[in-house]
Structure formats: structure tokens, C-alpha cells
Amino acid sequence: MNPLHFQLLPHMRRSPTLPESILWRMLRANRFHGRHFRRQHRIGPFIVDFCCIKERLIIEIDGEKHAYSITEDRERTAFLSEKGFRVVRFWNEEVLREMDRVLMMIKWMLPPRPAAPQ
């Protein structure tokens, strides 16, 4: 991993893209079905957009540059899968225009919560 990536981490946290900001408002502070998500979280040599460690779920928001980095994205996903994570990817436009569907897909990826004891 290029050491420059870790120097960029504080910048990435301070300057998220618009789709990342919008989705983070829905995921932060255990707002999304009581799940704890982290933003710009390091896993091995990679920094993922959002991660729910307990549920082993990674959410990536891809911009147009990802249309040209298909091989790199596959290798990244393979590495994360080997570490036991499920990776779901959304395009920026999906987050901006279809937020309800994006949230439904994320919820679908999470295991059901056990019922509260009576």
C-alpha cells in the first residue's frame, strides 16, 4: 500500500463526496437499524467508504473513476472477501437519485436483529 493513502485519510474524512455525505447522514450514530458504521475505515491496505465491523459489511460509493478501475476494484473486493467481509457497491448517481433503494439494499445485506426479550 502506498503510504500516501494513509496521509490522505484525514483529508478524505474532512472532504467526503456529496453522495458519501448524504449516505453518512443515514448511517452514522447507529441510526441505521441500530448498526454501528465507520466511515473511511482502514482494512489491511485499503480504506473503505463505510464499514459495519460487527456485521462484516462494507459499503463502497463509486464515482466515474471506478469505471476505469474494474480490475483494481475486483482485487480489492477479493481481498476484503477473504477477510470475511461482504462488499456492496453503489454508484454516486444511485445514492443521489435512488436513496430509498440503496437503503433497502443495505438493510437486505444485514442479518435480522434478534427480537428484544419480553
PDB file of N, CA and C in Angstrom:
ATOM      1  N   MET A   1       0.844  -1.185   0.000  1.00  0.00           N
ATOM      2  CA  MET A   1       0.000   0.000   0.000  1.00  0.00           C
ATOM      3  C   MET A   1       0.878   1.233   0.000  1.00  0.00           C
ATOM      4  N   ASN A   2       0.517   2.161  -0.785  1.00  0.00           N
ATOM      5  CA  ASN A   2       1.226   3.419  -0.886  1.00  0.00           C
ATOM      6  C   ASN A   2       1.019   4.222   0.402  1.00  0.00           C
ATOM      7  N   PRO A   3       2.110   4.650   1.078  1.00  0.00           N
ATOM      8  CA  PRO A   3       1.959   5.428   2.314  1.00  0.00           C
ATOM      9  C   PRO A   3       1.154   6.705   2.104  1.00  0.00           C
ATOM     10  N   LEU A   4       1.110   7.194   0.879  1.00  0.00           N
ATOM     11  CA  LEU A   4       0.338   8.396   0.593  1.00  0.00           C
ATOM     12  C   LEU A   4      -1.137   8.203   0.921  1.00  0.00           C
ATOM     13  N   HIS A   5      -1.655   6.980   0.739  1.00  0.00           N
ATOM     14  CA  HIS A   5      -3.066   6.722   1.043  1.00  0.00           C
ATOM     15  C   HIS A   5      -3.378   7.036   2.498  1.00  0.00           C
ATOM     16  N   PHE A   6      -2.477   6.696   3.416  1.00  0.00           N
ATOM     17  CA  PHE A   6      -2.741   6.934   4.823  1.00  0.00           C
ATOM     18  C   PHE A   6      -2.558   8.390   5.186  1.00  0.00           C
ATOM     19  N   GLN A   7      -1.753   9.124   4.417  1.00  0.00           N
ATOM     20  CA  GLN A   7      -1.654  10.562   4.613  1.00  0.00           C
ATOM     21  C   GLN A   7      -2.929  11.243   4.143  1.00  0.00           C
ATOM     22  N   LEU A   8      -3.615  10.649   3.170  1.00  0.00           N
ATOM     23  CA  LEU A   8      -4.849  11.218   2.638  1.00  0.00           C
ATOM     24  C   LEU A   8      -6.057  10.933   3.517  1.00  0.00           C
ATOM     25  N   LEU A   9      -5.959   9.967   4.422  1.00  0.00           N
ATOM     26  CA  LEU A   9      -7.109   9.576   5.223  1.00  0.00           C
ATOM     27  C   LEU A   9      -7.756  10.754   5.949  1.00  0.00           C
ATOM     28  N   PRO A  10      -7.013  11.609   6.666  1.00  0.00           N
ATOM     29  CA  PRO A  10      -7.678  12.753   7.312  1.00  0.00           C
ATOM     30  C   PRO A  10      -8.374  13.666   6.302  1.00  0.00           C
ATOM     31  N   HIS A  11      -7.769  13.861   5.144  1.00  0.00           N
ATOM     32  CA  HIS A  11      -8.390  14.692   4.106  1.00  0.00           C
ATOM     33  C   HIS A  11      -9.677  14.035   3.612  1.00  0.00           C
ATOM     34  N   MET A  12      -9.655  12.721   3.419  1.00  0.00           N
ATOM     35  CA  MET A  12     -10.828  12.003   2.931  1.00  0.00           C
ATOM     36  C   MET A  12     -11.976  12.106   3.929  1.00  0.00           C
ATOM     37  N   ARG A  13     -11.656  12.098   5.205  1.00  0.00           N
ATOM     38  CA  ARG A  13     -12.696  12.210   6.226  1.00  0.00           C
ATOM     39  C   ARG A  13     -13.273  13.614   6.279  1.00  0.00           C
ATOM     40  N   ARG A  14     -12.426  14.616   6.049  1.00  0.00           N
ATOM     41  CA  ARG A  14     -12.885  16.006   6.091  1.00  0.00           C
ATOM     42  C   ARG A  14     -13.581  16.436   4.811  1.00  0.00           C
ATOM     43  N   SER A  15     -13.283  15.772   3.703  1.00  0.00           N
ATOM     44  CA  SER A  15     -13.802  16.202   2.405  1.00  0.00           C
ATOM     45  C   SER A  15     -14.491  15.059   1.666  1.00  0.00           C
ATOM     46  N   PRO A  16     -15.573  14.540   2.238  1.00  0.00           N
ATOM     47  CA  PRO A  16     -16.260  13.446   1.541  1.00  0.00           C
ATOM     48  C   PRO A  16     -16.969  13.974   0.299  1.00  0.00           C
ATOM     49  N   THR A  17     -17.265  13.079  -0.612  1.00  0.00           N
ATOM     50  CA  THR A  17     -18.051  13.457  -1.777  1.00  0.00           C
ATOM     51  C   THR A  17     -19.494  13.706  -1.320  1.00  0.00           C
ATOM     52  N   LEU A  18     -20.285  14.349  -2.157  1.00  0.00           N
ATOM     53  CA  LEU A  18     -21.686  14.599  -1.811  1.00  0.00           C
ATOM     54  C   LEU A  18     -22.441  13.296  -1.545  1.00  0.00           C
ATOM     55  N   PRO A  19     -22.325  12.284  -2.414  1.00  0.00           N
ATOM     56  CA  PRO A  19     -23.029  11.022  -2.109  1.00  0.00           C
ATOM     57  C   PRO A  19     -22.573  10.392  -0.785  1.00  0.00           C
ATOM     58  N   GLU A  20     -21.277  10.456  -0.479  1.00  0.00           N
ATOM     59  CA  GLU A  20     -20.788   9.920   0.789  1.00  0.00           C
ATOM     60  C   GLU A  20     -21.395  10.686   1.968  1.00  0.00           C
ATOM     61  N   SER A  21     -21.456  12.000   1.866  1.00  0.00           N
ATOM     62  CA  SER A  21     -22.035  12.824   2.940  1.00  0.00           C
ATOM     63  C   SER A  21     -23.498  12.485   3.172  1.00  0.00           C
ATOM     64  N   ILE A  22     -24.228  12.340   2.084  1.00  0.00           N
ATOM     65  CA  ILE A  22     -25.660  12.048   2.190  1.00  0.00           C
ATOM     66  C   ILE A  22     -25.873  10.675   2.828  1.00  0.00           C
ATOM     67  N   LEU A  23     -25.147   9.675   2.357  1.00  0.00           N
ATOM     68  CA  LEU A  23     -25.313   8.336   2.930  1.00  0.00           C
ATOM     69  C   LEU A  23     -24.839   8.294   4.375  1.00  0.00           C
ATOM     70  N   TRP A  24     -23.769   9.013   4.695  1.00  0.00           N
ATOM     71  CA  TRP A  24     -23.252   9.009   6.061  1.00  0.00           C
ATOM     72  C   TRP A  24     -24.287   9.560   7.041  1.00  0.00           C
ATOM     73  N   ARG A  25     -25.066  10.560   6.616  1.00  0.00           N
ATOM     74  CA  ARG A  25     -26.126  11.086   7.492  1.00  0.00           C
ATOM     75  C   ARG A  25     -27.133  10.004   7.863  1.00  0.00           C
ATOM     76  N   MET A  26     -27.331   9.041   6.975  1.00  0.00           N
ATOM     77  CA  MET A  26     -28.280   7.955   7.240  1.00  0.00           C
ATOM     78  C   MET A  26     -27.662   6.841   8.094  1.00  0.00           C
ATOM     79  N   LEU A  27     -26.348   6.661   8.000  1.00  0.00           N
ATOM     80  CA  LEU A  27     -25.682   5.535   8.666  1.00  0.00           C
ATOM     81  C   LEU A  27     -25.072   5.886  10.014  1.00  0.00           C
ATOM     82  N   ARG A  28     -24.705   7.126  10.220  1.00  0.00           N
ATOM     83  CA  ARG A  28     -23.922   7.495  11.405  1.00  0.00           C
ATOM     84  C   ARG A  28     -24.718   7.381  12.701  1.00  0.00           C
ATOM     85  N   ALA A  29     -23.989   7.304  13.768  1.00  0.00           N
ATOM     86  CA  ALA A  29     -24.546   7.314  15.130  1.00  0.00           C
ATOM     87  C   ALA A  29     -25.607   6.231  15.345  1.00  0.00           C
ATOM     88  N   ASN A  30     -25.355   5.047  14.795  1.00  0.00           N
ATOM     89  CA  ASN A  30     -26.257   3.893  14.982  1.00  0.00           C
ATOM     90  C   ASN A  30     -27.683   4.162  14.498  1.00  0.00           C
ATOM     91  N   ARG A  31     -27.837   5.096  13.562  1.00  0.00           N
ATOM     92  CA  ARG A  31     -29.171   5.454  13.076  1.00  0.00           C
ATOM     93  C   ARG A  31     -29.779   4.394  12.176  1.00  0.00           C
ATOM     94  N   PHE A  32     -28.950   3.623  11.515  1.00  0.00           N
ATOM     95  CA  PHE A  32     -29.469   2.673  10.543  1.00  0.00           C
ATOM     96  C   PHE A  32     -29.701   1.324  11.200  1.00  0.00           C
ATOM     97  N   HIS A  33     -30.911   1.104  11.661  1.00  0.00           N
ATOM     98  CA  HIS A  33     -31.317  -0.155  12.293  1.00  0.00           C
ATOM     99  C   HIS A  33     -30.404  -0.542  13.455  1.00  0.00           C
ATOM    100  N   GLY A  34     -29.905   0.472  14.162  1.00  0.00           N
ATOM    101  CA  GLY A  34     -29.080   0.236  15.342  1.00  0.00           C
ATOM    102  C   GLY A  34     -27.694  -0.309  15.054  1.00  0.00           C
ATOM    103  N   ARG A  35     -27.260  -0.265  13.793  1.00  0.00           N
ATOM    104  CA  ARG A  35     -25.941  -0.796  13.432  1.00  0.00           C
ATOM    105  C   ARG A  35     -24.902   0.321  13.494  1.00  0.00           C
ATOM    106  N   HIS A  36     -23.720  -0.036  13.959  1.00  0.00           N
ATOM    107  CA  HIS A  36     -22.615   0.922  14.059  1.00  0.00           C
ATOM    108  C   HIS A  36     -21.758   0.846  12.792  1.00  0.00           C
ATOM    109  N   PHE A  37     -21.763   1.929  12.035  1.00  0.00           N
ATOM    110  CA  PHE A  37     -20.934   2.027  10.836  1.00  0.00           C
ATOM    111  C   PHE A  37     -19.776   2.974  11.098  1.00  0.00           C
ATOM    112  N   ARG A  38     -18.664   2.683  10.455  1.00  0.00           N
ATOM    113  CA  ARG A  38     -17.498   3.569  10.465  1.00  0.00           C
ATOM    114  C   ARG A  38     -17.322   4.126   9.058  1.00  0.00           C
ATOM    115  N   ARG A  39     -16.808   5.336   8.991  1.00  0.00           N
ATOM    116  CA  ARG A  39     -16.574   5.973   7.694  1.00  0.00           C
ATOM    117  C   ARG A  39     -15.078   6.053   7.445  1.00  0.00           C
ATOM    118  N   GLN A  40     -14.657   5.819   6.190  1.00  0.00           N
ATOM    119  CA  GLN A  40     -13.251   5.870   5.799  1.00  0.00           C
ATOM    120  C   GLN A  40     -12.410   5.032   6.755  1.00  0.00           C
ATOM    121  N   HIS A  41     -12.737   3.763   6.818  1.00  0.00           N
ATOM    122  CA  HIS A  41     -12.108   2.829   7.757  1.00  0.00           C
ATOM    123  C   HIS A  41     -11.046   1.991   7.040  1.00  0.00           C
ATOM    124  N   ARG A  42      -9.909   1.858   7.671  1.00  0.00           N
ATOM    125  CA  ARG A  42      -8.802   1.079   7.102  1.00  0.00           C
ATOM    126  C   ARG A  42      -8.992  -0.413   7.395  1.00  0.00           C
ATOM    127  N   ILE A  43      -8.881  -1.219   6.340  1.00  0.00           N
ATOM    128  CA  ILE A  43      -8.864  -2.675   6.470  1.00  0.00           C
ATOM    129  C   ILE A  43      -7.701  -3.166   5.619  1.00  0.00           C
ATOM    130  N   GLY A  44      -6.684  -3.685   6.287  1.00  0.00           N
ATOM    131  CA  GLY A  44      -5.480  -4.096   5.555  1.00  0.00           C
ATOM    132  C   GLY A  44      -4.922  -2.906   4.799  1.00  0.00           C
ATOM    133  N   PRO A  45      -4.608  -3.090   3.530  1.00  0.00           N
ATOM    134  CA  PRO A  45      -4.014  -1.990   2.765  1.00  0.00           C
ATOM    135  C   PRO A  45      -5.051  -1.046   2.152  1.00  0.00           C
ATOM    136  N   PHE A  46      -6.325  -1.211   2.493  1.00  0.00           N
ATOM    137  CA  PHE A  46      -7.381  -0.425   1.858  1.00  0.00           C
ATOM    138  C   PHE A  46      -8.122   0.461   2.847  1.00  0.00           C
ATOM    139  N   ILE A  47      -8.687   1.532   2.329  1.00  0.00           N
ATOM    140  CA  ILE A  47      -9.567   2.406   3.094  1.00  0.00           C
ATOM    141  C   ILE A  47     -10.939   2.280   2.444  1.00  0.00           C
ATOM    142  N   VAL A  48     -11.902   1.772   3.207  1.00  0.00           N
ATOM    143  CA  VAL A  48     -13.239   1.567   2.668  1.00  0.00           C
ATOM    144  C   VAL A  48     -14.121   2.756   3.041  1.00  0.00           C
ATOM    145  N   ASP A  49     -15.142   3.002   2.235  1.00  0.00           N
ATOM    146  CA  ASP A  49     -16.008   4.156   2.482  1.00  0.00           C
ATOM    147  C   ASP A  49     -16.780   4.002   3.791  1.00  0.00           C
ATOM    148  N   PHE A  50     -17.494   2.881   3.945  1.00  0.00           N
ATOM    149  CA  PHE A  50     -18.282   2.632   5.152  1.00  0.00           C
ATOM    150  C   PHE A  50     -18.142   1.166   5.531  1.00  0.00           C
ATOM    151  N   CYS A  51     -18.101   0.921   6.840  1.00  0.00           N
ATOM    152  CA  CYS A  51     -17.933  -0.453   7.297  1.00  0.00           C
ATOM    153  C   CYS A  51     -18.705  -0.668   8.590  1.00  0.00           C
ATOM    154  N   CYS A  52     -19.470  -1.749   8.619  1.00  0.00           N
ATOM    155  CA  CYS A  52     -20.110  -2.215   9.843  1.00  0.00           C
ATOM    156  C   CYS A  52     -19.302  -3.451  10.262  1.00  0.00           C
ATOM    157  N   ILE A  53     -18.386  -3.238  11.179  1.00  0.00           N
ATOM    158  CA  ILE A  53     -17.459  -4.298  11.596  1.00  0.00           C
ATOM    159  C   ILE A  53     -18.226  -5.515  12.122  1.00  0.00           C
ATOM    160  N   LYS A  54     -19.181  -5.288  13.011  1.00  0.00           N
ATOM    161  CA  LYS A  54     -19.897  -6.395  13.650  1.00  0.00           C
ATOM    162  C   LYS A  54     -20.588  -7.276  12.620  1.00  0.00           C
ATOM    163  N   GLU A  55     -21.159  -6.671  11.595  1.00  0.00           N
ATOM    164  CA  GLU A  55     -21.888  -7.435  10.581  1.00  0.00           C
ATOM    165  C   GLU A  55     -21.009  -7.804   9.381  1.00  0.00           C
ATOM    166  N   ARG A  56     -19.734  -7.379   9.414  1.00  0.00           N
ATOM    167  CA  ARG A  56     -18.770  -7.696   8.342  1.00  0.00           C
ATOM    168  C   ARG A  56     -19.278  -7.211   6.976  1.00  0.00           C
ATOM    169  N   LEU A  57     -19.818  -5.974   6.966  1.00  0.00           N
ATOM    170  CA  LEU A  57     -20.374  -5.397   5.747  1.00  0.00           C
ATOM    171  C   LEU A  57     -19.643  -4.114   5.383  1.00  0.00           C
ATOM    172  N   ILE A  58     -19.228  -4.040   4.135  1.00  0.00           N
ATOM    173  CA  ILE A  58     -18.564  -2.846   3.601  1.00  0.00           C
ATOM    174  C   ILE A  58     -19.450  -2.261   2.518  1.00  0.00           C
ATOM    175  N   ILE A  59     -19.589  -0.937   2.556  1.00  0.00           N
ATOM    176  CA  ILE A  59     -20.340  -0.218   1.531  1.00  0.00           C
ATOM    177  C   ILE A  59     -19.373   0.716   0.834  1.00  0.00           C
ATOM    178  N   GLU A  60     -19.297   0.582  -0.478  1.00  0.00           N
ATOM    179  CA  GLU A  60     -18.438   1.444  -1.284  1.00  0.00           C
ATOM    180  C   GLU A  60     -19.314   2.289  -2.198  1.00  0.00           C
ATOM    181  N   ILE A  61     -18.982   3.572  -2.290  1.00  0.00           N
ATOM    182  CA  ILE A  61     -19.673   4.501  -3.176  1.00  0.00           C
ATOM    183  C   ILE A  61     -18.686   4.844  -4.282  1.00  0.00           C
ATOM    184  N   ASP A  62     -19.040   4.444  -5.497  1.00  0.00           N
ATOM    185  CA  ASP A  62     -18.122   4.573  -6.627  1.00  0.00           C
ATOM    186  C   ASP A  62     -18.496   5.726  -7.546  1.00  0.00           C
ATOM    187  N   GLY A  63     -17.493   6.506  -7.879  1.00  0.00           N
ATOM    188  CA  GLY A  63     -17.645   7.577  -8.854  1.00  0.00           C
ATOM    189  C   GLY A  63     -17.188   7.098 -10.215  1.00  0.00           C
ATOM    190  N   GLU A  64     -17.118   8.020 -11.161  1.00  0.00           N
ATOM    191  CA  GLU A  64     -16.801   7.630 -12.540  1.00  0.00           C
ATOM    192  C   GLU A  64     -15.408   7.043 -12.703  1.00  0.00           C
ATOM    193  N   LYS A  65     -14.459   7.375 -11.823  1.00  0.00           N
ATOM    194  CA  LYS A  65     -13.111   6.805 -11.952  1.00  0.00           C
ATOM    195  C   LYS A  65     -13.131   5.277 -11.811  1.00  0.00           C
ATOM    196  N   HIS A  66     -14.139   4.760 -11.098  1.00  0.00           N
ATOM    197  CA  HIS A  66     -14.227   3.315 -10.907  1.00  0.00           C
ATOM    198  C   HIS A  66     -14.615   2.583 -12.190  1.00  0.00           C
ATOM    199  N   ALA A  67     -15.162   3.303 -13.144  1.00  0.00           N
ATOM    200  CA  ALA A  67     -15.483   2.682 -14.436  1.00  0.00           C
ATOM    201  C   ALA A  67     -14.210   2.265 -15.165  1.00  0.00           C
ATOM    202  N   TYR A  68     -13.084   2.874 -14.777  1.00  0.00           N
ATOM    203  CA  TYR A  68     -11.797   2.582 -15.417  1.00  0.00           C
ATOM    204  C   TYR A  68     -10.888   1.743 -14.532  1.00  0.00           C
ATOM    205  N   SER A  69     -11.360   1.369 -13.354  1.00  0.00           N
ATOM    206  CA  SER A  69     -10.509   0.600 -12.430  1.00  0.00           C
ATOM    207  C   SER A  69     -11.188  -0.708 -12.025  1.00  0.00           C
ATOM    208  N   ILE A  70     -11.815  -1.367 -12.975  1.00  0.00           N
ATOM    209  CA  ILE A  70     -12.570  -2.591 -12.698  1.00  0.00           C
ATOM    210  C   ILE A  70     -11.673  -3.677 -12.125  1.00  0.00           C
ATOM    211  N   THR A  71     -10.486  -3.854 -12.698  1.00  0.00           N
ATOM    212  CA  THR A  71      -9.567  -4.891 -12.211  1.00  0.00           C
ATOM    213  C   THR A  71      -9.139  -4.601 -10.782  1.00  0.00           C
ATOM    214  N   GLU A  72      -8.784  -3.358 -10.493  1.00  0.00           N
ATOM    215  CA  GLU A  72      -8.365  -2.991  -9.137  1.00  0.00           C
ATOM    216  C   GLU A  72      -9.506  -3.196  -8.143  1.00  0.00           C
ATOM    217  N   ASP A  73     -10.729  -2.824  -8.550  1.00  0.00           N
ATOM    218  CA  ASP A  73     -11.877  -2.998  -7.663  1.00  0.00           C
ATOM    219  C   ASP A  73     -12.137  -4.484  -7.391  1.00  0.00           C
ATOM    220  N   ARG A  74     -11.973  -5.320  -8.396  1.00  0.00           N
ATOM    221  CA  ARG A  74     -12.157  -6.773  -8.199  1.00  0.00           C
ATOM    222  C   ARG A  74     -11.121  -7.319  -7.220  1.00  0.00           C
ATOM    223  N   GLU A  75      -9.869  -6.885  -7.369  1.00  0.00           N
ATOM    224  CA  GLU A  75      -8.811  -7.346  -6.468  1.00  0.00           C
ATOM    225  C   GLU A  75      -9.084  -6.874  -5.044  1.00  0.00           C
ATOM    226  N   ARG A  76      -9.522  -5.652  -4.902  1.00  0.00           N
ATOM    227  CA  ARG A  76      -9.858  -5.086  -3.594  1.00  0.00           C
ATOM    228  C   ARG A  76     -11.000  -5.883  -2.958  1.00  0.00           C
ATOM    229  N   THR A  77     -12.053  -6.131  -3.738  1.00  0.00           N
ATOM    230  CA  THR A  77     -13.197  -6.890  -3.233  1.00  0.00           C
ATOM    231  C   THR A  77     -12.777  -8.309  -2.861  1.00  0.00           C
ATOM    232  N   ALA A  78     -11.929  -8.936  -3.668  1.00  0.00           N
ATOM    233  CA  ALA A  78     -11.450 -10.290  -3.364  1.00  0.00           C
ATOM    234  C   ALA A  78     -10.684 -10.299  -2.040  1.00  0.00           C
ATOM    235  N   PHE A  79      -9.814  -9.321  -1.832  1.00  0.00           N
ATOM    236  CA  PHE A  79      -9.055  -9.235  -0.582  1.00  0.00           C
ATOM    237  C   PHE A  79     -10.004  -9.095   0.605  1.00  0.00           C
ATOM    238  N   LEU A  80     -10.959  -8.177   0.498  1.00  0.00           N
ATOM    239  CA  LEU A  80     -11.893  -7.934   1.598  1.00  0.00           C
ATOM    240  C   LEU A  80     -12.775  -9.158   1.857  1.00  0.00           C
ATOM    241  N   SER A  81     -13.170  -9.837   0.809  1.00  0.00           N
ATOM    242  CA  SER A  81     -13.964 -11.067   0.954  1.00  0.00           C
ATOM    243  C   SER A  81     -13.164 -12.144   1.670  1.00  0.00           C
ATOM    244  N   GLU A  82     -11.883 -12.261   1.347  1.00  0.00           N
ATOM    245  CA  GLU A  82     -11.016 -13.235   2.022  1.00  0.00           C
ATOM    246  C   GLU A  82     -10.909 -12.938   3.512  1.00  0.00           C
ATOM    247  N   LYS A  83     -11.083 -11.679   3.881  1.00  0.00           N
ATOM    248  CA  LYS A  83     -11.046 -11.274   5.292  1.00  0.00           C
ATOM    249  C   LYS A  83     -12.409 -11.444   5.964  1.00  0.00           C
ATOM    250  N   GLY A  84     -13.386 -11.972   5.226  1.00  0.00           N
ATOM    251  CA  GLY A  84     -14.691 -12.251   5.798  1.00  0.00           C
ATOM    252  C   GLY A  84     -15.725 -11.150   5.636  1.00  0.00           C
ATOM    253  N   PHE A  85     -15.449 -10.150   4.823  1.00  0.00           N
ATOM    254  CA  PHE A  85     -16.389  -9.051   4.607  1.00  0.00           C
ATOM    255  C   PHE A  85     -17.215  -9.278   3.348  1.00  0.00           C
ATOM    256  N   ARG A  86     -18.463  -8.817   3.394  1.00  0.00           N
ATOM    257  CA  ARG A  86     -19.289  -8.725   2.192  1.00  0.00           C
ATOM    258  C   ARG A  86     -19.192  -7.291   1.721  1.00  0.00           C
ATOM    259  N   VAL A  87     -19.046  -7.103   0.432  1.00  0.00           N
ATOM    260  CA  VAL A  87     -18.871  -5.763  -0.133  1.00  0.00           C
ATOM    261  C   VAL A  87     -20.042  -5.470  -1.052  1.00  0.00           C
ATOM    262  N   VAL A  88     -20.681  -4.337  -0.827  1.00  0.00           N
ATOM    263  CA  VAL A  88     -21.743  -3.877  -1.717  1.00  0.00           C
ATOM    264  C   VAL A  88     -21.314  -2.522  -2.263  1.00  0.00           C
ATOM    265  N   ARG A  89     -21.492  -2.349  -3.567  1.00  0.00           N
ATOM    266  CA  ARG A  89     -21.074  -1.115  -4.243  1.00  0.00           C
ATOM    267  C   ARG A  89     -22.283  -0.415  -4.845  1.00  0.00           C
ATOM    268  N   PHE A  90     -22.266   0.898  -4.722  1.00  0.00           N
ATOM    269  CA  PHE A  90     -23.285   1.741  -5.344  1.00  0.00           C
ATOM    270  C   PHE A  90     -22.569   2.847  -6.114  1.00  0.00           C
ATOM    271  N   TRP A  91     -23.150   3.235  -7.230  1.00  0.00           N
ATOM    272  CA  TRP A  91     -22.639   4.377  -7.975  1.00  0.00           C
ATOM    273  C   TRP A  91     -23.116   5.656  -7.299  1.00  0.00           C
ATOM    274  N   ASN A  92     -22.339   6.718  -7.452  1.00  0.00           N
ATOM    275  CA  ASN A  92     -22.724   8.021  -6.905  1.00  0.00           C
ATOM    276  C   ASN A  92     -24.164   8.371  -7.270  1.00  0.00           C
ATOM    277  N   GLU A  93     -24.511   8.193  -8.534  1.00  0.00           N
ATOM    278  CA  GLU A  93     -25.849   8.554  -9.010  1.00  0.00           C
ATOM    279  C   GLU A  93     -26.947   7.755  -8.316  1.00  0.00           C
ATOM    280  N   GLU A  94     -26.667   6.516  -7.962  1.00  0.00           N
ATOM    281  CA  GLU A  94     -27.662   5.712  -7.246  1.00  0.00           C
ATOM    282  C   GLU A  94     -27.966   6.327  -5.890  1.00  0.00           C
ATOM    283  N   VAL A  95     -26.921   6.748  -5.199  1.00  0.00           N
ATOM    284  CA  VAL A  95     -27.105   7.356  -3.874  1.00  0.00           C
ATOM    285  C   VAL A  95     -27.877   8.663  -4.009  1.00  0.00           C
ATOM    286  N   LEU A  96     -27.552   9.441  -5.025  1.00  0.00           N
ATOM    287  CA  LEU A  96     -28.195  10.746  -5.195  1.00  0.00           C
ATOM    288  C   LEU A  96     -29.644  10.637  -5.659  1.00  0.00           C
ATOM    289  N   ARG A  97     -29.948   9.657  -6.490  1.00  0.00           N
ATOM    290  CA  ARG A  97     -31.275   9.607  -7.112  1.00  0.00           C
ATOM    291  C   ARG A  97     -32.181   8.485  -6.609  1.00  0.00           C
ATOM    292  N   GLU A  98     -31.593   7.475  -5.963  1.00  0.00           N
ATOM    293  CA  GLU A  98     -32.382   6.316  -5.548  1.00  0.00           C
ATOM    294  C   GLU A  98     -32.058   5.911  -4.106  1.00  0.00           C
ATOM    295  N   MET A  99     -32.030   6.884  -3.217  1.00  0.00           N
ATOM    296  CA  MET A  99     -31.610   6.616  -1.833  1.00  0.00           C
ATOM    297  C   MET A  99     -32.471   5.545  -1.160  1.00  0.00           C
ATOM    298  N   ASP A 100     -33.771   5.548  -1.399  1.00  0.00           N
ATOM    299  CA  ASP A 100     -34.620   4.535  -0.766  1.00  0.00           C
ATOM    300  C   ASP A 100     -34.190   3.129  -1.180  1.00  0.00           C
ATOM    301  N   ARG A 101     -33.896   2.949  -2.457  1.00  0.00           N
ATOM    302  CA  ARG A 101     -33.454   1.634  -2.945  1.00  0.00           C
ATOM    303  C   ARG A 101     -32.099   1.266  -2.357  1.00  0.00           C
ATOM    304  N   VAL A 102     -31.188   2.235  -2.281  1.00  0.00           N
ATOM    305  CA  VAL A 102     -29.860   1.991  -1.694  1.00  0.00           C
ATOM    306  C   VAL A 102     -30.009   1.531  -0.249  1.00  0.00           C
ATOM    307  N   LEU A 103     -30.819   2.234   0.528  1.00  0.00           N
ATOM    308  CA  LEU A 103     -31.013   1.865   1.932  1.00  0.00           C
ATOM    309  C   LEU A 103     -31.684   0.504   2.064  1.00  0.00           C
ATOM    310  N   MET A 104     -32.625   0.199   1.173  1.00  0.00           N
ATOM    311  CA  MET A 104     -33.275  -1.109   1.193  1.00  0.00           C
ATOM    312  C   MET A 104     -32.246  -2.213   0.914  1.00  0.00           C
ATOM    313  N   MET A 105     -31.344  -1.984  -0.031  1.00  0.00           N
ATOM    314  CA  MET A 105     -30.310  -2.979  -0.345  1.00  0.00           C
ATOM    315  C   MET A 105     -29.360  -3.176   0.839  1.00  0.00           C
ATOM    316  N   ILE A 106     -28.985  -2.083   1.493  1.00  0.00           N
ATOM    317  CA  ILE A 106     -28.101  -2.190   2.665  1.00  0.00           C
ATOM    318  C   ILE A 106     -28.805  -2.970   3.771  1.00  0.00           C
ATOM    319  N   LYS A 107     -30.061  -2.644   4.022  1.00  0.00           N
ATOM    320  CA  LYS A 107     -30.822  -3.371   5.051  1.00  0.00           C
ATOM    321  C   LYS A 107     -30.897  -4.852   4.705  1.00  0.00           C
ATOM    322  N   TRP A 108     -31.113  -5.166   3.439  1.00  0.00           N
ATOM    323  CA  TRP A 108     -31.198  -6.551   2.990  1.00  0.00           C
ATOM    324  C   TRP A 108     -29.886  -7.299   3.242  1.00  0.00           C
ATOM    325  N   MET A 109     -28.757  -6.587   3.165  1.00  0.00           N
ATOM    326  CA  MET A 109     -27.442  -7.209   3.375  1.00  0.00           C
ATOM    327  C   MET A 109     -27.157  -7.487   4.856  1.00  0.00           C
ATOM    328  N   LEU A 110     -27.903  -6.846   5.745  1.00  0.00           N
ATOM    329  CA  LEU A 110     -27.687  -7.029   7.181  1.00  0.00           C
ATOM    330  C   LEU A 110     -28.515  -8.194   7.700  1.00  0.00           C
ATOM    331  N   PRO A 111     -27.955  -9.011   8.582  1.00  0.00           N
ATOM    332  CA  PRO A 111     -28.760 -10.091   9.158  1.00  0.00           C
ATOM    333  C   PRO A 111     -29.842  -9.510  10.064  1.00  0.00           C
ATOM    334  N   PRO A 112     -30.957 -10.217  10.212  1.00  0.00           N
ATOM    335  CA  PRO A 112     -32.013  -9.713  11.097  1.00  0.00           C
ATOM    336  C   PRO A 112     -31.526  -9.614  12.530  1.00  0.00           C
ATOM    337  N   ARG A 113     -32.026  -8.622  13.220  1.00  0.00           N
ATOM    338  CA  ARG A 113     -31.688  -8.458  14.636  1.00  0.00           C
ATOM    339  C   ARG A 113     -32.555  -9.391  15.454  1.00  0.00           C
ATOM    340  N   PRO A 114     -32.003  -9.980  16.504  1.00  0.00           N
ATOM    341  CA  PRO A 114     -32.837 -10.827  17.364  1.00  0.00           C
ATOM    342  C   PRO A 114     -33.910  -9.975  18.055  1.00  0.00           C
ATOM    343  N   ALA A 115     -35.036 -10.566  18.279  1.00  0.00           N
ATOM    344  CA  ALA A 115     -36.121  -9.859  18.962  1.00  0.00           C
ATOM    345  C   ALA A 115     -35.701  -9.529  20.384  1.00  0.00           C
ATOM    346  N   ALA A 116     -36.164  -8.392  20.862  1.00  0.00           N
ATOM    347  CA  ALA A 116     -35.859  -7.979  22.240  1.00  0.00           C
ATOM    348  C   ALA A 116     -36.576  -8.920  23.201  1.00  0.00           C
ATOM    349  N   PRO A 117     -35.929  -9.271  24.312  1.00  0.00           N
ATOM    350  CA  PRO A 117     -36.600 -10.151  25.303  1.00  0.00           C
ATOM    351  C   PRO A 117     -37.829  -9.462  25.865  1.00  0.00           C
ATOM    352  N   GLN A 118     -38.838 -10.240  26.093  1.00  0.00           N
ATOM    353  CA  GLN A 118     -40.118  -9.709  26.620  1.00  0.00           C
ATOM    354  C   GLN A 118     -40.068  -9.612  28.117  1.00  0.00           C
TER     355      GLN A 118
END
